Amino acid sequence: MFKRIADAFKIKEIRNKILFTLAMLAVIRFGSNLPIPGVDPTYFASFFASQTTDAFSFFNAMTGGSFQSLSILALSITPYITSSIIIELLTIAIPALEEMRKEGEDGRKKIVSYTRYLTIILALVESIAMVIGFGNQGLLVHYDFLSVVVAVMTMVAGSAFLMWIGERITDNGVGNGISIVLLFNILSSLPNDLRTVGDRFLTGKSVAVKVIILILIAAVIIALVVYVVVLQDAERRIPVQYSAKTVGRKMIGGQGSFIPLKVNTAGVIPVIFASSIMSFPVVIAQFFNVDYSTFGGQILLCLSSNNWLKPGNMVYSIGLLVYIALVIVFAYFYTSITFNPLEVANNLKKQGGFIPGIRPGKPTSDYLNKILNYIIFIGAVGLIIVAIIPIIVSGIFSVSGLSFMGTSLIIIVGVILETMKSVESQMLVRNYKGFLNE
């Protein structure tokens, strides 16, 4: 691995891209420590400490702790991620956007522009809701019109700035810029999370016990990383054969290929969707100081993963069953709008391709649907296993600060693999060995 990194730095173009990416990440870290003018930077830290739910914990991890410290980058790139998902869903639902996507580079640029505009709108809505909702509760030092405007505009500008940095990394750096920024934010919260876990499991233990516990924790983390790598790269390859054609005196075609169907077809999207839906009512309840002793309050406690699998209150774990069901539903839903078996079957037919033993056209579409439904369920179960491990640990051992596991781990592994493949493809063009091949 170190030799591969050295080989990458030998190439001036790749070296400059890596250094540019690191410089942009340093700018992000600097911005994450600049407080918003007129706010109390300790407000959310105290607010989180007083909560019995974890509605904001994953959001705070995605912002690299900027949300809790209320820096100018408090919203991070979450508005951009949300707008990208919305635009992708609308592309399937609105024929005009679908046609625009098929127009090539020009259509792609238009969709990117729409995503940017929607990002600003979402950032504006989120910042207004946050500043007005918490402003008179201690978030703002002086709760007046000017302070509200300054805080809102600062947060929107910070989100737009991060979106710009992400696009610059994509153009001039390595990998997908938005993914790199998200990865960096999650990794920046690792030291605090590891410190929290260490305090919970190591404090007051003898040296021998500490060593054993550290080995067990390291083994679990390594096993999870290997499992996620396998889950991310696993795919079902459907063999495809193309008919030979006679052009002049030559035979063209007749070669074999395959259709790669990823086991985790929807990526981390189902987990994010399910978590968002479960936490949304809890987040709204924070603005109204809901009494959790009432029936409605008890339902809200069921929706919070912080209360699942607690030995003394197992009734709240009903929410875990709802969460699992939502992950499976969204896995099927998201895959259905991003992969169209009928379109793939028609394209194969037009190109003279067929799956051995399956007739072209609708039979091919039905066959792909059958295989897809099977592997989607396997992928969803794989996601659920990764997502509930930190929930189990948190419930049984009453430990928080596990953002490096579960959903975050899927994002970390996925982005690292994607970035390594991006660098490897550039190295292979210059006849260098990459990171992933021997």
Protein backbone atom coordinates (compact mmCIF):
# COMPACT_ATOMS: atom_id res chain seq x y z
CA MET A 1 0.00 0.00 0.00
CA PHE A 2 2.77 2.45 0.93
CA LYS A 3 4.57 1.67 -2.33
CA ARG A 4 1.35 2.42 -4.22
CA ILE A 5 1.07 5.77 -2.45
CA ALA A 6 4.70 6.53 -3.30
CA ASP A 7 4.02 5.64 -6.95
CA ALA A 8 1.04 8.00 -6.97
CA PHE A 9 3.15 10.88 -5.66
CA LYS A 10 5.74 10.24 -8.40
CA ILE A 11 3.22 11.40 -10.98
CA LYS A 12 3.12 15.20 -10.95
CA GLU A 13 -0.51 15.48 -12.04
CA ILE A 14 -1.81 13.05 -9.41
CA ARG A 15 0.47 14.56 -6.74
CA ASN A 16 -0.93 18.02 -7.44
CA LYS A 17 -4.50 16.70 -7.26
CA ILE A 18 -3.87 15.00 -3.92
CA LEU A 19 -2.20 18.12 -2.48
CA PHE A 20 -5.06 20.30 -3.77
CA THR A 21 -7.59 17.99 -2.08
CA LEU A 22 -5.66 18.12 1.21
CA ALA A 23 -5.49 21.92 1.00
CA MET A 24 -9.25 22.17 0.52
CA LEU A 25 -9.84 19.86 3.48
CA ALA A 26 -7.57 22.08 5.61
CA VAL A 27 -9.75 25.06 4.65
CA ILE A 28 -12.83 23.11 5.76
CA ARG A 29 -11.23 22.29 9.10
CA PHE A 30 -10.38 25.95 9.59
CA GLY A 31 -13.96 27.01 8.78
CA SER A 32 -15.33 24.40 11.18
CA ASN A 33 -13.76 26.32 14.06
CA LEU A 34 -15.15 29.75 13.16
CA PRO A 35 -18.31 30.51 15.19
CA ILE A 36 -21.40 32.12 13.72
CA PRO A 37 -21.59 35.81 14.73
CA GLY A 38 -24.08 36.48 17.49
CA VAL A 39 -24.64 32.89 18.68
CA ASP A 40 -23.71 31.08 21.87
CA PRO A 41 -21.27 28.35 20.69
CA THR A 42 -21.91 26.27 23.82
CA TYR A 43 -25.70 26.22 23.40
CA PHE A 44 -26.04 23.01 21.40
CA ALA A 45 -23.38 21.22 23.46
CA SER A 46 -25.51 21.83 26.54
CA PHE A 47 -28.69 21.09 24.62
CA PHE A 48 -27.43 17.67 23.45
CA ALA A 49 -26.30 16.77 26.95
CA SER A 50 -29.82 17.36 28.29
CA GLN A 51 -31.60 15.24 25.66
CA THR A 52 -32.80 11.67 26.09
CA THR A 53 -32.91 11.08 22.32
CA ASP A 54 -30.22 10.98 19.65
CA ALA A 55 -32.13 12.75 16.89
CA PHE A 56 -29.20 15.03 16.02
CA SER A 57 -26.29 12.65 16.60
CA PHE A 58 -25.91 11.31 13.05
CA PHE A 59 -26.45 14.78 11.58
CA ASN A 60 -23.74 16.12 13.87
CA ALA A 61 -21.38 13.33 12.74
CA MET A 62 -22.00 14.22 9.08
CA THR A 63 -21.05 17.84 9.83
CA GLY A 64 -17.84 16.84 11.59
CA GLY A 65 -19.05 18.33 14.87
CA SER A 66 -19.64 21.75 13.24
CA PHE A 67 -23.33 21.56 14.05
CA GLN A 68 -22.80 21.04 17.76
CA SER A 69 -20.18 23.82 17.93
CA LEU A 70 -22.32 26.09 15.70
CA SER A 71 -19.53 27.06 13.31
CA ILE A 72 -20.13 28.85 10.01
CA LEU A 73 -20.20 25.38 8.40
CA ALA A 74 -22.88 24.08 10.78
CA LEU A 75 -25.16 22.83 7.98
CA SER A 76 -22.22 21.21 6.17
CA ILE A 77 -23.13 19.56 2.85
CA THR A 78 -26.32 17.90 4.08
CA PRO A 79 -28.53 20.34 2.09
CA TYR A 80 -26.62 19.39 -1.06
CA ILE A 81 -26.95 15.66 -0.37
CA THR A 82 -30.68 16.06 0.29
CA SER A 83 -31.21 18.14 -2.85
CA SER A 84 -29.27 15.60 -4.95
CA ILE A 85 -31.54 12.81 -3.72
CA ILE A 86 -34.66 14.92 -4.35
CA ILE A 87 -33.56 15.83 -7.89
CA GLU A 88 -32.76 12.18 -8.61
CA LEU A 89 -36.24 11.15 -7.46
CA LEU A 90 -37.85 13.96 -9.47
CA THR A 91 -35.89 12.89 -12.54
CA ILE A 92 -37.77 9.60 -12.44
CA ALA A 93 -41.14 11.20 -11.68
CA ILE A 94 -40.98 14.16 -14.12
CA PRO A 95 -40.55 13.18 -17.81
CA ALA A 96 -39.00 16.57 -18.70
CA LEU A 97 -36.15 16.03 -16.23
CA GLU A 98 -35.67 12.47 -17.46
CA GLU A 99 -35.35 13.72 -21.04
CA MET A 100 -32.93 16.39 -19.85
CA ARG A 101 -30.73 13.72 -18.26
CA LYS A 102 -30.58 11.87 -21.57
CA GLU A 103 -29.35 14.98 -23.43
CA GLY A 104 -25.74 14.29 -22.45
CA GLU A 105 -23.38 16.90 -21.04
CA ASP A 106 -25.74 19.85 -21.56
CA GLY A 107 -28.55 18.07 -19.74
CA ARG A 108 -26.22 17.08 -16.93
CA LYS A 109 -25.14 20.71 -16.46
CA LYS A 110 -28.77 21.84 -16.22
CA ILE A 111 -29.56 19.20 -13.60
CA VAL A 112 -26.46 20.23 -11.63
CA SER A 113 -27.69 23.83 -11.71
CA TYR A 114 -31.12 22.79 -10.41
CA THR A 115 -29.39 20.84 -7.63
CA ARG A 116 -27.41 23.94 -6.63
CA TYR A 117 -30.52 26.14 -6.52
CA LEU A 118 -32.40 23.56 -4.46
CA THR A 119 -29.40 23.29 -2.11
CA ILE A 120 -29.58 27.02 -1.36
CA ILE A 121 -33.34 26.83 -0.81
CA LEU A 122 -33.01 23.87 1.58
CA ALA A 123 -30.13 25.53 3.45
CA LEU A 124 -32.25 28.68 3.81
CA VAL A 125 -35.25 26.73 5.14
CA GLU A 126 -33.12 24.68 7.56
CA SER A 127 -31.23 27.69 8.90
CA ILE A 128 -34.39 29.78 9.37
CA ALA A 129 -36.10 26.91 11.21
CA MET A 130 -33.06 26.39 13.42
CA VAL A 131 -32.38 30.05 14.23
CA ILE A 132 -36.01 30.98 14.89
CA GLY A 133 -36.79 27.71 16.68
CA PHE A 134 -33.85 27.89 19.07
CA GLY A 135 -33.06 31.60 18.91
CA ASN A 136 -35.25 32.65 21.81
CA GLN A 137 -34.17 29.63 23.87
CA GLY A 138 -30.56 30.74 24.17
CA LEU A 139 -29.05 30.05 20.74
CA LEU A 140 -28.70 33.78 19.97
CA VAL A 141 -27.06 36.11 22.44
CA HIS A 142 -29.47 38.86 21.35
CA TYR A 143 -32.68 37.56 19.78
CA ASP A 144 -33.55 40.33 17.32
CA PHE A 145 -34.14 40.68 13.59
CA LEU A 146 -30.55 41.61 12.72
CA SER A 147 -29.07 38.70 14.69
CA VAL A 148 -31.49 36.27 13.00
CA VAL A 149 -30.59 37.56 9.51
CA VAL A 150 -26.84 37.42 10.19
CA ALA A 151 -27.02 33.87 11.56
CA VAL A 152 -29.23 32.62 8.71
CA MET A 153 -27.12 34.20 5.95
CA THR A 154 -23.90 32.91 7.55
CA MET A 155 -25.19 29.33 7.68
CA VAL A 156 -26.49 29.47 4.09
CA ALA A 157 -23.20 30.95 2.87
CA GLY A 158 -21.25 28.23 4.71
CA SER A 159 -23.30 25.48 3.08
CA ALA A 160 -22.87 27.07 -0.37
CA PHE A 161 -19.13 27.43 0.24
CA LEU A 162 -18.80 23.73 1.09
CA MET A 163 -20.77 22.83 -2.05
CA TRP A 164 -18.33 24.96 -4.08
CA ILE A 165 -15.32 23.28 -2.44
CA GLY A 166 -16.79 19.85 -3.19
CA GLU A 167 -17.19 20.72 -6.85
CA ARG A 168 -13.63 22.11 -7.00
CA ILE A 169 -12.28 18.87 -5.52
CA THR A 170 -14.20 16.90 -8.15
CA ASP A 171 -12.74 19.04 -10.94
CA ASN A 172 -9.18 19.54 -9.67
CA GLY A 173 -8.66 16.93 -6.96
CA VAL A 174 -9.14 13.19 -6.53
CA GLY A 175 -12.46 11.36 -6.28
CA ASN A 176 -15.92 12.81 -5.84
CA GLY A 177 -15.59 16.09 -3.96
CA ILE A 178 -18.88 15.93 -2.06
CA SER A 179 -18.11 12.39 -0.92
CA ILE A 180 -14.60 13.42 0.15
CA VAL A 181 -15.99 16.32 2.22
CA LEU A 182 -18.54 14.00 3.85
CA LEU A 183 -15.83 11.43 4.61
CA PHE A 184 -13.57 14.10 6.10
CA ASN A 185 -16.36 15.38 8.34
CA ILE A 186 -17.11 11.91 9.69
CA LEU A 187 -13.44 11.10 10.25
CA SER A 188 -12.89 14.39 12.10
CA SER A 189 -15.31 13.25 14.82
CA LEU A 190 -13.50 9.94 15.35
CA PRO A 191 -11.09 11.09 18.12
CA ASN A 192 -13.93 12.27 20.38
CA ASP A 193 -15.96 9.12 19.69
CA LEU A 194 -13.02 6.83 20.44
CA ARG A 195 -12.34 8.78 23.62
CA THR A 196 -15.95 8.30 24.71
CA VAL A 197 -15.78 4.55 24.04
CA GLY A 198 -12.47 4.34 25.89
CA ASP A 199 -13.88 6.13 28.92
CA ARG A 200 -16.84 3.76 28.99
CA PHE A 201 -14.95 0.46 28.64
CA LEU A 202 -11.43 1.16 29.94
CA THR A 203 -11.82 3.48 32.91
CA GLY A 204 -11.05 1.75 36.20
CA LYS A 205 -9.87 -1.51 34.58
CA SER A 206 -6.52 -3.21 35.16
CA VAL A 207 -3.84 -3.16 32.44
CA ALA A 208 -4.49 -6.80 31.46
CA VAL A 209 -8.23 -6.21 31.15
CA LYS A 210 -7.63 -3.02 29.13
CA VAL A 211 -5.43 -4.94 26.68
CA ILE A 212 -8.06 -7.65 26.24
CA ILE A 213 -10.83 -5.08 25.73
CA LEU A 214 -8.74 -3.14 23.20
CA ILE A 215 -8.05 -6.35 21.26
CA LEU A 216 -11.76 -7.20 21.24
CA ILE A 217 -12.76 -3.70 20.09
CA ALA A 218 -10.10 -3.73 17.35
CA ALA A 219 -11.22 -7.19 16.21
CA VAL A 220 -14.86 -6.08 15.99
CA ILE A 221 -13.96 -2.93 14.03
CA ILE A 222 -11.69 -4.85 11.62
CA ALA A 223 -14.36 -7.51 11.08
CA LEU A 224 -16.95 -4.81 10.39
CA VAL A 225 -14.67 -3.04 7.91
CA VAL A 226 -13.98 -6.29 6.04
CA TYR A 227 -17.70 -7.11 6.05
CA VAL A 228 -18.62 -3.66 4.66
CA VAL A 229 -15.92 -3.91 1.96
CA VAL A 230 -17.35 -7.25 0.84
CA LEU A 231 -20.89 -5.86 0.98
CA GLN A 232 -19.95 -2.80 -1.09
CA ASP A 233 -18.08 -4.75 -3.78
CA ALA A 234 -20.29 -7.86 -3.97
CA GLU A 235 -22.19 -8.23 -7.23
CA ARG A 236 -24.16 -10.78 -9.20
CA ARG A 237 -22.90 -11.01 -12.78
CA ILE A 238 -25.55 -11.91 -15.34
CA PRO A 239 -23.86 -13.42 -18.45
CA VAL A 240 -24.73 -11.77 -21.78
CA GLN A 241 -23.93 -13.02 -25.27
CA TYR A 242 -23.94 -10.77 -28.33
CA SER A 243 -24.88 -12.10 -31.77
CA ALA A 244 -22.23 -11.99 -34.46
CA LYS A 245 -22.88 -9.73 -37.45
CA THR A 246 -21.41 -9.81 -40.95
CA VAL A 247 -20.02 -6.47 -42.09
CA GLY A 248 -18.49 -6.82 -45.55
CA ARG A 249 -16.33 -9.90 -45.38
CA LYS A 250 -15.74 -9.72 -41.63
CA MET A 251 -17.65 -11.11 -38.68
CA ILE A 252 -18.15 -8.54 -35.93
CA GLY A 253 -19.51 -9.25 -32.46
CA GLY A 254 -20.21 -12.60 -30.93
CA GLN A 255 -18.31 -11.76 -27.77
CA GLY A 256 -19.55 -12.48 -24.28
CA SER A 257 -20.06 -9.96 -21.48
CA PHE A 258 -22.08 -9.60 -18.29
CA ILE A 259 -24.48 -7.28 -16.49
CA PRO A 260 -23.12 -6.45 -13.00
CA LEU A 261 -25.90 -6.22 -10.41
CA LYS A 262 -24.52 -4.94 -7.11
CA VAL A 263 -25.80 -6.71 -4.03
CA ASN A 264 -25.98 -3.40 -2.19
CA THR A 265 -27.72 -1.73 -5.11
CA ALA A 266 -29.02 1.29 -3.17
CA GLY A 267 -25.86 1.96 -1.16
CA VAL A 268 -26.40 3.73 2.15
CA ILE A 269 -29.52 5.59 0.94
CA PRO A 270 -32.09 3.20 2.56
CA VAL A 271 -30.47 3.61 5.98
CA ILE A 272 -30.35 7.41 5.63
CA PHE A 273 -33.98 7.56 4.48
CA ALA A 274 -35.17 5.28 7.29
CA SER A 275 -33.16 7.18 9.93
CA SER A 276 -34.48 10.51 8.65
CA ILE A 277 -38.12 9.41 8.79
CA MET A 278 -37.70 7.93 12.27
CA SER A 279 -35.94 11.01 13.65
CA PHE A 280 -38.06 13.68 11.94
CA PRO A 281 -40.95 13.59 14.48
CA VAL A 282 -38.40 13.60 17.32
CA VAL A 283 -36.63 16.65 15.88
CA ILE A 284 -39.93 18.52 15.50
CA ALA A 285 -40.83 17.63 19.09
CA GLN A 286 -37.65 19.37 20.32
CA PHE A 287 -39.15 22.71 19.26
CA PHE A 288 -42.32 22.22 21.34
CA ASN A 289 -40.90 20.75 24.58
CA VAL A 290 -43.06 17.62 24.39
CA ASP A 291 -43.81 15.79 27.63
CA TYR A 292 -42.34 12.30 27.13
CA SER A 293 -44.50 10.84 29.91
CA THR A 294 -47.63 11.16 27.74
CA PHE A 295 -48.75 8.58 25.16
CA GLY A 296 -47.45 10.71 22.29
CA GLY A 297 -44.17 11.19 24.12
CA GLN A 298 -43.83 7.42 24.59
CA ILE A 299 -44.27 6.94 20.82
CA LEU A 300 -41.49 9.48 20.22
CA LEU A 301 -39.23 7.53 22.58
CA CYS A 302 -39.93 4.40 20.52
CA LEU A 303 -38.74 6.25 17.41
CA SER A 304 -35.37 7.12 18.96
CA SER A 305 -32.62 4.54 18.48
CA ASN A 306 -31.07 5.74 21.73
CA ASN A 307 -33.85 3.87 23.58
CA TRP A 308 -33.74 0.60 21.64
CA LEU A 309 -32.62 -2.68 23.22
CA LYS A 310 -32.36 -1.17 26.67
CA PRO A 311 -32.68 -4.08 29.17
CA GLY A 312 -35.05 -2.12 31.41
CA ASN A 313 -37.32 -0.74 28.64
CA MET A 314 -37.49 -3.32 25.87
CA VAL A 315 -40.94 -2.04 24.83
CA TYR A 316 -39.24 0.90 23.11
CA SER A 317 -37.49 -1.60 20.80
CA ILE A 318 -40.72 -1.76 18.76
CA GLY A 319 -39.18 1.19 16.94
CA LEU A 320 -36.27 -1.04 15.88
CA LEU A 321 -38.70 -3.35 14.04
CA VAL A 322 -40.19 -0.34 12.26
CA TYR A 323 -36.69 0.83 11.36
CA ILE A 324 -35.75 -2.56 9.88
CA ALA A 325 -38.96 -2.64 7.83
CA LEU A 326 -38.27 0.89 6.51
CA VAL A 327 -34.72 -0.03 5.44
CA ILE A 328 -36.03 -2.98 3.42
CA VAL A 329 -38.84 -0.91 1.87
CA PHE A 330 -36.50 1.91 0.86
CA ALA A 331 -33.96 -0.57 -0.53
CA TYR A 332 -36.58 -1.86 -2.95
CA PHE A 333 -37.99 1.61 -3.63
CA TYR A 334 -34.67 3.32 -4.40
CA THR A 335 -33.46 0.45 -6.57
CA SER A 336 -36.73 0.45 -8.53
CA ILE A 337 -36.22 4.09 -9.56
CA THR A 338 -32.50 3.81 -10.35
CA PHE A 339 -32.48 0.49 -12.21
CA ASN A 340 -35.09 -0.30 -14.86
CA PRO A 341 -34.97 -3.99 -15.94
CA LEU A 342 -37.31 -3.33 -18.89
CA GLU A 343 -35.03 -0.59 -20.21
CA VAL A 344 -31.97 -2.82 -19.82
CA ALA A 345 -33.76 -5.68 -21.61
CA ASN A 346 -34.78 -3.40 -24.50
CA ASN A 347 -31.24 -2.03 -24.84
CA LEU A 348 -29.85 -5.56 -24.94
CA LYS A 349 -32.34 -6.48 -27.65
CA LYS A 350 -31.42 -3.44 -29.75
CA GLN A 351 -27.72 -4.30 -29.47
CA GLY A 352 -28.25 -7.93 -30.41
CA GLY A 353 -27.48 -9.18 -26.92
CA PHE A 354 -29.26 -11.87 -24.93
CA ILE A 355 -28.93 -13.79 -21.68
CA PRO A 356 -28.19 -17.47 -22.47
CA GLY A 357 -31.35 -19.53 -21.97
CA ILE A 358 -33.60 -16.45 -21.72
CA ARG A 359 -35.56 -15.02 -24.64
CA PRO A 360 -34.99 -11.31 -25.44
CA GLY A 361 -37.60 -8.71 -24.50
CA LYS A 362 -40.07 -9.18 -21.66
CA PRO A 363 -38.76 -12.62 -20.57
CA THR A 364 -35.34 -10.99 -20.04
CA SER A 365 -36.95 -8.18 -18.07
CA ASP A 366 -38.84 -10.66 -15.88
CA TYR A 367 -35.67 -12.65 -15.30
CA LEU A 368 -33.72 -9.53 -14.26
CA ASN A 369 -36.59 -8.52 -11.96
CA LYS A 370 -36.53 -11.90 -10.26
CA ILE A 371 -32.75 -11.81 -9.71
CA LEU A 372 -32.90 -8.17 -8.61
CA ASN A 373 -35.61 -8.78 -6.01
CA TYR A 374 -33.51 -11.57 -4.54
CA ILE A 375 -30.24 -9.63 -4.27
CA ILE A 376 -31.97 -6.43 -3.04
CA PHE A 377 -33.23 -8.36 -0.02
CA ILE A 378 -29.75 -9.76 0.64
CA GLY A 379 -28.25 -6.27 0.36
CA ALA A 380 -30.91 -4.80 2.67
CA VAL A 381 -30.23 -7.48 5.28
CA GLY A 382 -26.51 -6.73 4.98
CA LEU A 383 -27.18 -3.03 5.58
CA ILE A 384 -29.39 -3.81 8.56
CA ILE A 385 -26.66 -5.95 10.16
CA VAL A 386 -24.15 -3.10 9.90
CA ALA A 387 -26.66 -0.48 11.06
CA ILE A 388 -27.93 -2.30 14.15
CA ILE A 389 -24.55 -3.38 15.59
CA PRO A 390 -23.89 0.06 17.15
CA ILE A 391 -27.53 0.10 18.30
CA ILE A 392 -27.03 -3.24 20.06
CA VAL A 393 -23.78 -2.05 21.68
CA SER A 394 -25.40 1.24 22.71
CA GLY A 395 -28.46 -0.49 24.15
CA ILE A 396 -26.70 -3.22 26.11
CA PHE A 397 -23.67 -1.26 27.34
CA SER A 398 -25.28 2.22 27.46
CA VAL A 399 -22.46 3.77 25.43
CA SER A 400 -22.81 6.57 22.92
CA GLY A 401 -20.29 7.99 20.46
CA LEU A 402 -20.36 5.19 17.88
CA SER A 403 -20.48 7.33 14.75
CA PHE A 404 -17.52 5.37 13.34
CA MET A 405 -19.75 2.27 13.15
CA GLY A 406 -23.02 1.59 11.39
CA THR A 407 -24.08 4.06 8.71
CA SER A 408 -20.93 6.13 9.03
CA LEU A 409 -18.76 3.06 8.47
CA ILE A 410 -20.62 2.26 5.24
CA ILE A 411 -20.00 5.82 4.04
CA ILE A 412 -16.33 5.74 5.08
CA VAL A 413 -15.57 2.43 3.34
CA GLY A 414 -17.58 3.33 0.23
CA VAL A 415 -15.89 6.70 -0.27
CA ILE A 416 -12.39 5.32 0.38
CA LEU A 417 -12.90 2.52 -2.14
CA GLU A 418 -14.32 4.96 -4.68
CA THR A 419 -11.39 7.35 -4.23
CA MET A 420 -8.80 4.57 -4.43
CA LYS A 421 -10.34 3.33 -7.67
CA SER A 422 -10.26 6.88 -9.06
CA VAL A 423 -6.55 7.25 -8.28
CA GLU A 424 -5.85 3.73 -9.54
CA SER A 425 -7.50 4.41 -12.90
CA GLN A 426 -5.28 7.47 -13.37
CA MET A 427 -2.19 5.47 -12.41
CA LEU A 428 -3.01 2.60 -14.75
CA VAL A 429 -3.18 5.03 -17.67
CA ARG A 430 0.50 5.70 -16.98
CA ASN A 431 1.34 1.99 -16.58
CA TYR A 432 1.64 2.11 -12.80
CA LYS A 433 0.12 -0.53 -10.55
CA GLY A 434 -2.84 0.72 -8.57
CA PHE A 435 -3.93 0.29 -4.97
CA LEU A 436 -6.38 -2.54 -5.53
CA ASN A 437 -4.39 -4.89 -7.76
CA GLU A 438 -1.26 -6.88 -7.21
